[in-house]
Amino acid sequence: MSRPIPIFIGYDPRERAATNVLIDSLYQHSSLPLAITPVVAEQLSAQHTRLRDPKQSTAFSFTRFLVPYLMNYQGWAIFMDCDMLCRGDIASLWSLRDDRYAVMCVQHEHVPTEAAKFLGEVQSAYPKKNWSSLMLLNCDRCSALTPAYVETASGLELHRFHWLAGDHEIGALPTGWNHLVDVQAPPEPAANAEAGPTLLHWTLGGPWFRQQRAMGGPLAAEWFGARDDAMALWD
């Protein structure tokens, strides 16, 4: 039997609905067993005590980088933001692991034009924007990410992967594994989801917020459909 795929999801209490729908979408489409762990900052109080940074838009901005520590710096793991929806088999992403790299991610060229995103949170622009929102982590090659380093490094040092020896340690994933809703060109509607991106990412805020119920147009309807499926009662 295959060992479960270790998946860590960044958790923010304001996005509980998003987290729950994402988890259900992962289970519904996966052909392999999954071991899913929400990364809850309050549960990591022994390792994570740094004060909230004014530019920190989510509770998991820094705690995502503790995943190799939580894996005891062994094996591979997936980290993803909670504001996502999986449309296909996460085992297909897992199969892309390449031991030549310490980290693998979708390498967006996202230069934000807006000053704020969801709930008025500050929108920061920096190189490698959104690269760390979905990561395949080769944990034994991420030993620089000690709790002490994650506590003291700047946000830019962490999110721009300064803890690696260089960009040659970062492998590229297909763009469909981190589609930025309302940032990139819209994909096909749900009826043709298999032909479009596999992982949708509402980086600007999603339909679980009252103020953004229509975010993504048809993709918002797709998210609500996934939510209703997750809540359905079966006889």
C-alpha atoms as a PDB file:
ATOM      1  CA  MET A   1       0.000   0.000   0.000  1.00  0.00           C
ATOM      2  CA  SER A   2       1.236   3.487  -0.848  1.00  0.00           C
ATOM      3  CA  ARG A   3       2.189   5.725   2.041  1.00  0.00           C
ATOM      4  CA  PRO A   4      -0.191   8.693   2.391  1.00  0.00           C
ATOM      5  CA  ILE A   5       0.857  11.875   0.614  1.00  0.00           C
ATOM      6  CA  PRO A   6       1.731  14.429   3.336  1.00  0.00           C
ATOM      7  CA  ILE A   7      -0.121  17.671   2.590  1.00  0.00           C
ATOM      8  CA  PHE A   8       0.111  20.757   4.800  1.00  0.00           C
ATOM      9  CA  ILE A   9      -2.461  23.516   4.356  1.00  0.00           C
ATOM     10  CA  GLY A  10      -1.904  27.047   5.599  1.00  0.00           C
ATOM     11  CA  TYR A  11      -4.713  27.823   8.026  1.00  0.00           C
ATOM     12  CA  ASP A  12      -6.235  31.218   8.783  1.00  0.00           C
ATOM     13  CA  PRO A  13      -9.305  31.329  11.086  1.00  0.00           C
ATOM     14  CA  ARG A  14     -10.964  33.826   8.743  1.00  0.00           C
ATOM     15  CA  GLU A  15     -10.837  31.235   5.964  1.00  0.00           C
ATOM     16  CA  ARG A  16     -12.142  28.120   7.708  1.00  0.00           C
ATOM     17  CA  ALA A  17     -14.739  27.552   5.008  1.00  0.00           C
ATOM     18  CA  ALA A  18     -12.061  27.724   2.311  1.00  0.00           C
ATOM     19  CA  THR A  19      -9.894  25.232   4.205  1.00  0.00           C
ATOM     20  CA  ASN A  20     -12.728  22.735   4.622  1.00  0.00           C
ATOM     21  CA  VAL A  21     -13.773  22.898   0.974  1.00  0.00           C
ATOM     22  CA  LEU A  22     -10.161  22.528  -0.184  1.00  0.00           C
ATOM     23  CA  ILE A  23      -9.661  19.448   2.007  1.00  0.00           C
ATOM     24  CA  ASP A  24     -12.831  17.848   0.660  1.00  0.00           C
ATOM     25  CA  SER A  25     -11.822  18.581  -2.944  1.00  0.00           C
ATOM     26  CA  LEU A  26      -8.432  16.944  -2.358  1.00  0.00           C
ATOM     27  CA  TYR A  27      -9.992  13.782  -0.946  1.00  0.00           C
ATOM     28  CA  GLN A  28     -12.698  13.579  -3.598  1.00  0.00           C
ATOM     29  CA  HIS A  29     -10.259  13.548  -6.510  1.00  0.00           C
ATOM     30  CA  SER A  30      -7.239  11.704  -5.085  1.00  0.00           C
ATOM     31  CA  SER A  31      -6.292   8.217  -6.255  1.00  0.00           C
ATOM     32  CA  LEU A  32      -3.851   7.810  -3.354  1.00  0.00           C
ATOM     33  CA  PRO A  33      -4.294   8.079   0.430  1.00  0.00           C
ATOM     34  CA  LEU A  34      -3.660  11.523   1.877  1.00  0.00           C
ATOM     35  CA  ALA A  35      -2.392  12.748   5.242  1.00  0.00           C
ATOM     36  CA  ILE A  36      -3.645  16.340   5.474  1.00  0.00           C
ATOM     37  CA  THR A  37      -2.474  18.678   8.255  1.00  0.00           C
ATOM     38  CA  PRO A  38      -3.716  22.254   8.600  1.00  0.00           C
ATOM     39  CA  VAL A  39      -0.823  24.437   9.755  1.00  0.00           C
ATOM     40  CA  VAL A  40      -2.405  26.273  12.713  1.00  0.00           C
ATOM     41  CA  ALA A  41      -0.152  28.971  14.185  1.00  0.00           C
ATOM     42  CA  GLU A  42      -1.595  28.600  17.697  1.00  0.00           C
ATOM     43  CA  GLN A  43      -0.639  24.932  17.714  1.00  0.00           C
ATOM     44  CA  LEU A  44       2.978  25.861  16.956  1.00  0.00           C
ATOM     45  CA  SER A  45       3.420  28.320  19.803  1.00  0.00           C
ATOM     46  CA  ALA A  46       6.586  26.565  20.996  1.00  0.00           C
ATOM     47  CA  GLN A  47       8.240  27.154  17.612  1.00  0.00           C
ATOM     48  CA  HIS A  48       6.492  30.298  16.376  1.00  0.00           C
ATOM     49  CA  THR A  49       6.296  33.341  18.629  1.00  0.00           C
ATOM     50  CA  ARG A  50       7.188  36.206  16.272  1.00  0.00           C
ATOM     51  CA  LEU A  51       4.876  39.204  16.298  1.00  0.00           C
ATOM     52  CA  ARG A  52       2.575  39.721  13.353  1.00  0.00           C
ATOM     53  CA  ASP A  53       4.276  41.676  10.591  1.00  0.00           C
ATOM     54  CA  PRO A  54       2.302  44.659   9.167  1.00  0.00           C
ATOM     55  CA  LYS A  55       2.778  43.160   5.686  1.00  0.00           C
ATOM     56  CA  GLN A  56       1.613  39.705   6.802  1.00  0.00           C
ATOM     57  CA  SER A  57      -1.753  39.087   5.160  1.00  0.00           C
ATOM     58  CA  THR A  58      -2.450  35.605   6.581  1.00  0.00           C
ATOM     59  CA  ALA A  59      -1.796  33.666   9.778  1.00  0.00           C
ATOM     60  CA  PHE A  60       0.398  31.234   7.821  1.00  0.00           C
ATOM     61  CA  SER A  61       2.669  33.688   6.028  1.00  0.00           C
ATOM     62  CA  PHE A  62       5.643  32.389   8.046  1.00  0.00           C
ATOM     63  CA  THR A  63       4.479  29.059   9.473  1.00  0.00           C
ATOM     64  CA  ARG A  64       4.431  27.480   5.992  1.00  0.00           C
ATOM     65  CA  PHE A  65       8.218  27.396   6.198  1.00  0.00           C
ATOM     66  CA  LEU A  66       8.056  25.096   9.235  1.00  0.00           C
ATOM     67  CA  VAL A  67       6.825  22.182   7.109  1.00  0.00           C
ATOM     68  CA  PRO A  68      10.322  20.623   6.682  1.00  0.00           C
ATOM     69  CA  TYR A  69      10.767  20.838  10.473  1.00  0.00           C
ATOM     70  CA  LEU A  70       7.371  19.168  10.985  1.00  0.00           C
ATOM     71  CA  MET A  71       8.527  16.428   8.601  1.00  0.00           C
ATOM     72  CA  ASN A  72      11.737  15.986  10.640  1.00  0.00           C
ATOM     73  CA  TYR A  73      13.591  17.079   7.480  1.00  0.00           C
ATOM     74  CA  GLN A  74      12.799  13.763   5.814  1.00  0.00           C
ATOM     75  CA  GLY A  75      11.030  12.947   2.561  1.00  0.00           C
ATOM     76  CA  TRP A  76       8.815  15.120   0.426  1.00  0.00           C
ATOM     77  CA  ALA A  77       5.714  17.107   1.406  1.00  0.00           C
ATOM     78  CA  ILE A  78       3.231  19.439  -0.240  1.00  0.00           C
ATOM     79  CA  PHE A  79       2.363  22.846   1.157  1.00  0.00           C
ATOM     80  CA  MET A  80      -0.557  24.849  -0.176  1.00  0.00           C
ATOM     81  CA  ASP A  81      -2.479  27.959   0.825  1.00  0.00           C
ATOM     82  CA  CYS A  82      -6.021  27.356   2.055  1.00  0.00           C
ATOM     83  CA  ASP A  83      -7.629  29.653  -0.544  1.00  0.00           C
ATOM     84  CA  MET A  84      -7.495  26.975  -3.242  1.00  0.00           C
ATOM     85  CA  LEU A  85      -9.762  24.395  -4.853  1.00  0.00           C
ATOM     86  CA  CYS A  86      -8.480  21.132  -6.321  1.00  0.00           C
ATOM     87  CA  ARG A  87     -10.155  19.970  -9.533  1.00  0.00           C
ATOM     88  CA  GLY A  88      -8.084  16.855 -10.185  1.00  0.00           C
ATOM     89  CA  ASP A  89      -5.875  14.148  -8.729  1.00  0.00           C
ATOM     90  CA  ILE A  90      -3.228  15.555  -6.379  1.00  0.00           C
ATOM     91  CA  ALA A  91      -1.294  12.318  -6.964  1.00  0.00           C
ATOM     92  CA  SER A  92      -0.421  13.746 -10.389  1.00  0.00           C
ATOM     93  CA  LEU A  93       1.345  16.643  -8.679  1.00  0.00           C
ATOM     94  CA  TRP A  94       3.041  14.240  -6.260  1.00  0.00           C
ATOM     95  CA  SER A  95       4.416  12.256  -9.209  1.00  0.00           C
ATOM     96  CA  LEU A  96       6.364  15.339 -10.376  1.00  0.00           C
ATOM     97  CA  ARG A  97       8.831  15.175  -7.462  1.00  0.00           C
ATOM     98  CA  ASP A  98      12.391  15.562  -8.742  1.00  0.00           C
ATOM     99  CA  ASP A  99      15.333  14.966  -6.408  1.00  0.00           C
ATOM    100  CA  ARG A 100      17.440  17.459  -8.346  1.00  0.00           C
ATOM    101  CA  TYR A 101      15.543  20.224  -6.533  1.00  0.00           C
ATOM    102  CA  ALA A 102      14.964  21.326  -2.944  1.00  0.00           C
ATOM    103  CA  VAL A 103      11.684  23.052  -3.826  1.00  0.00           C
ATOM    104  CA  MET A 104       9.323  22.866  -6.785  1.00  0.00           C
ATOM    105  CA  CYS A 105       6.638  25.454  -7.506  1.00  0.00           C
ATOM    106  CA  VAL A 106       4.759  27.308 -10.217  1.00  0.00           C
ATOM    107  CA  GLN A 107       7.017  30.210 -11.134  1.00  0.00           C
ATOM    108  CA  HIS A 108       4.562  33.042 -11.697  1.00  0.00           C
ATOM    109  CA  GLU A 109       5.497  36.457 -12.993  1.00  0.00           C
ATOM    110  CA  HIS A 110       2.862  38.228 -10.903  1.00  0.00           C
ATOM    111  CA  VAL A 111       3.326  41.968 -10.435  1.00  0.00           C
ATOM    112  CA  PRO A 112       0.276  43.207  -8.484  1.00  0.00           C
ATOM    113  CA  THR A 113      -1.325  46.467  -9.567  1.00  0.00           C
ATOM    114  CA  GLU A 114      -3.700  46.716  -6.598  1.00  0.00           C
ATOM    115  CA  ALA A 115      -2.684  48.115  -3.188  1.00  0.00           C
ATOM    116  CA  ALA A 116      -4.958  45.828  -1.157  1.00  0.00           C
ATOM    117  CA  LYS A 117      -6.443  42.342  -1.405  1.00  0.00           C
ATOM    118  CA  PHE A 118      -9.012  40.497   0.719  1.00  0.00           C
ATOM    119  CA  LEU A 119     -10.425  42.221   3.815  1.00  0.00           C
ATOM    120  CA  GLY A 120      -8.223  45.237   3.092  1.00  0.00           C
ATOM    121  CA  GLU A 121      -4.976  43.345   3.704  1.00  0.00           C
ATOM    122  CA  VAL A 122      -1.898  44.996   2.204  1.00  0.00           C
ATOM    123  CA  GLN A 123      -0.880  43.669  -1.210  1.00  0.00           C
ATOM    124  CA  SER A 124       2.919  43.455  -1.380  1.00  0.00           C
ATOM    125  CA  ALA A 125       4.876  43.235  -4.609  1.00  0.00           C
ATOM    126  CA  TYR A 126       8.175  41.340  -4.680  1.00  0.00           C
ATOM    127  CA  PRO A 127      10.059  38.939  -6.987  1.00  0.00           C
ATOM    128  CA  LYS A 128       8.756  35.339  -6.860  1.00  0.00           C
ATOM    129  CA  LYS A 129       5.320  36.559  -5.763  1.00  0.00           C
ATOM    130  CA  ASN A 130       3.023  33.582  -5.055  1.00  0.00           C
ATOM    131  CA  TRP A 131       5.767  30.985  -5.650  1.00  0.00           C
ATOM    132  CA  SER A 132       5.541  29.859  -2.013  1.00  0.00           C
ATOM    133  CA  SER A 133       1.742  29.447  -2.073  1.00  0.00           C
ATOM    134  CA  LEU A 134       2.097  25.927  -3.523  1.00  0.00           C
ATOM    135  CA  MET A 135       5.348  24.082  -2.866  1.00  0.00           C
ATOM    136  CA  LEU A 136       6.639  20.572  -3.305  1.00  0.00           C
ATOM    137  CA  LEU A 137       9.274  20.458  -0.564  1.00  0.00           C
ATOM    138  CA  ASN A 138      12.223  18.059  -0.604  1.00  0.00           C
ATOM    139  CA  CYS A 139      12.482  18.304   3.167  1.00  0.00           C
ATOM    140  CA  ASP A 140      15.943  16.836   3.732  1.00  0.00           C
ATOM    141  CA  ARG A 141      17.305  19.588   1.467  1.00  0.00           C
ATOM    142  CA  CYS A 142      15.458  22.312   3.388  1.00  0.00           C
ATOM    143  CA  SER A 143      17.448  21.983   6.614  1.00  0.00           C
ATOM    144  CA  ALA A 144      18.136  25.742   6.668  1.00  0.00           C
ATOM    145  CA  LEU A 145      14.479  26.222   7.637  1.00  0.00           C
ATOM    146  CA  THR A 146      14.973  25.728  11.351  1.00  0.00           C
ATOM    147  CA  PRO A 147      12.391  27.213  13.721  1.00  0.00           C
ATOM    148  CA  ALA A 148      15.028  29.751  14.808  1.00  0.00           C
ATOM    149  CA  TYR A 149      15.604  30.864  11.216  1.00  0.00           C
ATOM    150  CA  VAL A 150      11.888  31.079  10.439  1.00  0.00           C
ATOM    151  CA  GLU A 151      11.429  33.187  13.577  1.00  0.00           C
ATOM    152  CA  THR A 152      14.055  35.751  12.618  1.00  0.00           C
ATOM    153  CA  ALA A 153      14.290  35.864   8.816  1.00  0.00           C
ATOM    154  CA  SER A 154      12.425  38.608   7.001  1.00  0.00           C
ATOM    155  CA  GLY A 155       9.371  37.846   4.927  1.00  0.00           C
ATOM    156  CA  LEU A 156      11.289  38.617   1.750  1.00  0.00           C
ATOM    157  CA  GLU A 157      14.140  36.283   2.722  1.00  0.00           C
ATOM    158  CA  LEU A 158      11.667  33.462   3.255  1.00  0.00           C
ATOM    159  CA  HIS A 159       9.316  33.989   0.312  1.00  0.00           C
ATOM    160  CA  ARG A 160      12.144  34.713  -2.131  1.00  0.00           C
ATOM    161  CA  PHE A 161      13.891  31.473  -1.097  1.00  0.00           C
ATOM    162  CA  HIS A 162      17.065  33.113   0.180  1.00  0.00           C
ATOM    163  CA  TRP A 163      17.519  30.059   2.408  1.00  0.00           C
ATOM    164  CA  LEU A 164      18.535  28.043  -0.645  1.00  0.00           C
ATOM    165  CA  ALA A 165      21.980  28.066  -2.233  1.00  0.00           C
ATOM    166  CA  GLY A 166      20.482  29.597  -5.381  1.00  0.00           C
ATOM    167  CA  ASP A 167      17.623  29.512  -7.855  1.00  0.00           C
ATOM    168  CA  HIS A 168      19.066  26.364  -9.413  1.00  0.00           C
ATOM    169  CA  GLU A 169      17.551  24.510  -6.450  1.00  0.00           C
ATOM    170  CA  ILE A 170      14.012  25.572  -7.454  1.00  0.00           C
ATOM    171  CA  GLY A 171      12.216  23.371  -9.969  1.00  0.00           C
ATOM    172  CA  ALA A 172       9.333  24.604 -12.109  1.00  0.00           C
ATOM    173  CA  LEU A 173       5.860  23.052 -11.996  1.00  0.00           C
ATOM    174  CA  PRO A 174       3.209  23.323 -14.730  1.00  0.00           C
ATOM    175  CA  THR A 175       1.151  26.514 -14.393  1.00  0.00           C
ATOM    176  CA  GLY A 176      -2.077  24.561 -13.935  1.00  0.00           C
ATOM    177  CA  TRP A 177      -0.996  23.611 -10.425  1.00  0.00           C
ATOM    178  CA  ASN A 178      -1.427  27.178  -9.155  1.00  0.00           C
ATOM    179  CA  HIS A 179      -3.849  29.199 -11.289  1.00  0.00           C
ATOM    180  CA  LEU A 180      -4.303  32.711  -9.895  1.00  0.00           C
ATOM    181  CA  VAL A 181      -8.008  33.528 -10.118  1.00  0.00           C
ATOM    182  CA  ASP A 182      -8.759  36.990 -11.514  1.00  0.00           C
ATOM    183  CA  VAL A 183      -5.034  37.535 -12.057  1.00  0.00           C
ATOM    184  CA  GLN A 184      -4.438  35.118 -14.925  1.00  0.00           C
ATOM    185  CA  ALA A 185      -6.742  34.642 -17.902  1.00  0.00           C
ATOM    186  CA  PRO A 186      -9.880  32.724 -16.855  1.00  0.00           C
ATOM    187  CA  PRO A 187      -9.861  28.980 -17.551  1.00  0.00           C
ATOM    188  CA  GLU A 188     -12.627  26.830 -18.983  1.00  0.00           C
ATOM    189  CA  PRO A 189     -15.841  26.512 -16.885  1.00  0.00           C
ATOM    190  CA  ALA A 190     -16.491  23.540 -14.631  1.00  0.00           C
ATOM    191  CA  ALA A 191     -17.908  21.393 -17.442  1.00  0.00           C
ATOM    192  CA  ASN A 192     -14.451  21.387 -19.031  1.00  0.00           C
ATOM    193  CA  ALA A 193     -12.440  21.484 -15.804  1.00  0.00           C
ATOM    194  CA  GLU A 194     -10.308  18.527 -16.843  1.00  0.00           C
ATOM    195  CA  ALA A 195      -8.912  20.625 -19.696  1.00  0.00           C
ATOM    196  CA  GLY A 196      -8.075  23.588 -17.483  1.00  0.00           C
ATOM    197  CA  PRO A 197      -5.927  24.228 -14.395  1.00  0.00           C
ATOM    198  CA  THR A 198      -6.021  21.588 -11.692  1.00  0.00           C
ATOM    199  CA  LEU A 199      -5.567  23.873  -8.695  1.00  0.00           C
ATOM    200  CA  LEU A 200      -7.447  27.187  -8.501  1.00  0.00           C
ATOM    201  CA  HIS A 201      -6.013  29.846  -6.188  1.00  0.00           C
ATOM    202  CA  TRP A 202      -8.073  32.839  -5.041  1.00  0.00           C
ATOM    203  CA  THR A 203      -5.035  34.889  -4.018  1.00  0.00           C
ATOM    204  CA  LEU A 204      -7.019  38.168  -4.006  1.00  0.00           C
ATOM    205  CA  GLY A 205      -9.780  36.750  -1.824  1.00  0.00           C
ATOM    206  CA  GLY A 206     -12.507  34.230  -2.560  1.00  0.00           C
ATOM    207  CA  PRO A 207     -16.264  33.644  -2.474  1.00  0.00           C
ATOM    208  CA  TRP A 208     -16.205  32.490   1.158  1.00  0.00           C
ATOM    209  CA  PHE A 209     -15.964  36.209   2.040  1.00  0.00           C
ATOM    210  CA  ARG A 210     -19.333  38.008   1.852  1.00  0.00           C
ATOM    211  CA  GLN A 211     -17.693  40.937   0.070  1.00  0.00           C
ATOM    212  CA  GLN A 212     -16.274  38.675  -2.657  1.00  0.00           C
ATOM    213  CA  ARG A 213     -19.011  36.157  -3.400  1.00  0.00           C
ATOM    214  CA  ALA A 214     -18.642  36.638  -7.152  1.00  0.00           C
ATOM    215  CA  MET A 215     -14.827  36.582  -7.226  1.00  0.00           C
ATOM    216  CA  GLY A 216     -13.797  34.614 -10.276  1.00  0.00           C
ATOM    217  CA  GLY A 217     -17.206  34.714 -11.981  1.00  0.00           C
ATOM    218  CA  PRO A 218     -18.018  31.122 -13.054  1.00  0.00           C
ATOM    219  CA  LEU A 219     -15.218  29.871 -10.808  1.00  0.00           C
ATOM    220  CA  ALA A 220     -17.037  31.324  -7.799  1.00  0.00           C
ATOM    221  CA  ALA A 221     -20.061  29.228  -8.764  1.00  0.00           C
ATOM    222  CA  GLU A 222     -17.752  26.222  -9.044  1.00  0.00           C
ATOM    223  CA  TRP A 223     -16.459  26.857  -5.523  1.00  0.00           C
ATOM    224  CA  PHE A 224     -20.003  27.084  -4.140  1.00  0.00           C
ATOM    225  CA  GLY A 225     -20.815  23.833  -5.935  1.00  0.00           C
ATOM    226  CA  ALA A 226     -17.843  22.155  -4.279  1.00  0.00           C
ATOM    227  CA  ARG A 227     -18.954  23.544  -0.918  1.00  0.00           C
ATOM    228  CA  ASP A 228     -22.477  22.174  -1.419  1.00  0.00           C
ATOM    229  CA  ASP A 229     -21.070  18.781  -2.394  1.00  0.00           C
ATOM    230  CA  ALA A 230     -18.965  18.750   0.768  1.00  0.00           C
ATOM    231  CA  MET A 231     -22.063  19.509   2.882  1.00  0.00           C
ATOM    232  CA  ALA A 232     -24.405  17.090   1.094  1.00  0.00           C
ATOM    233  CA  LEU A 233     -26.256  14.489   3.156  1.00  0.00           C
ATOM    234  CA  TRP A 234     -26.329  11.024   1.642  1.00  0.00           C
ATOM    235  CA  ASP A 235     -28.949   8.363   2.336  1.00  0.00           C
END
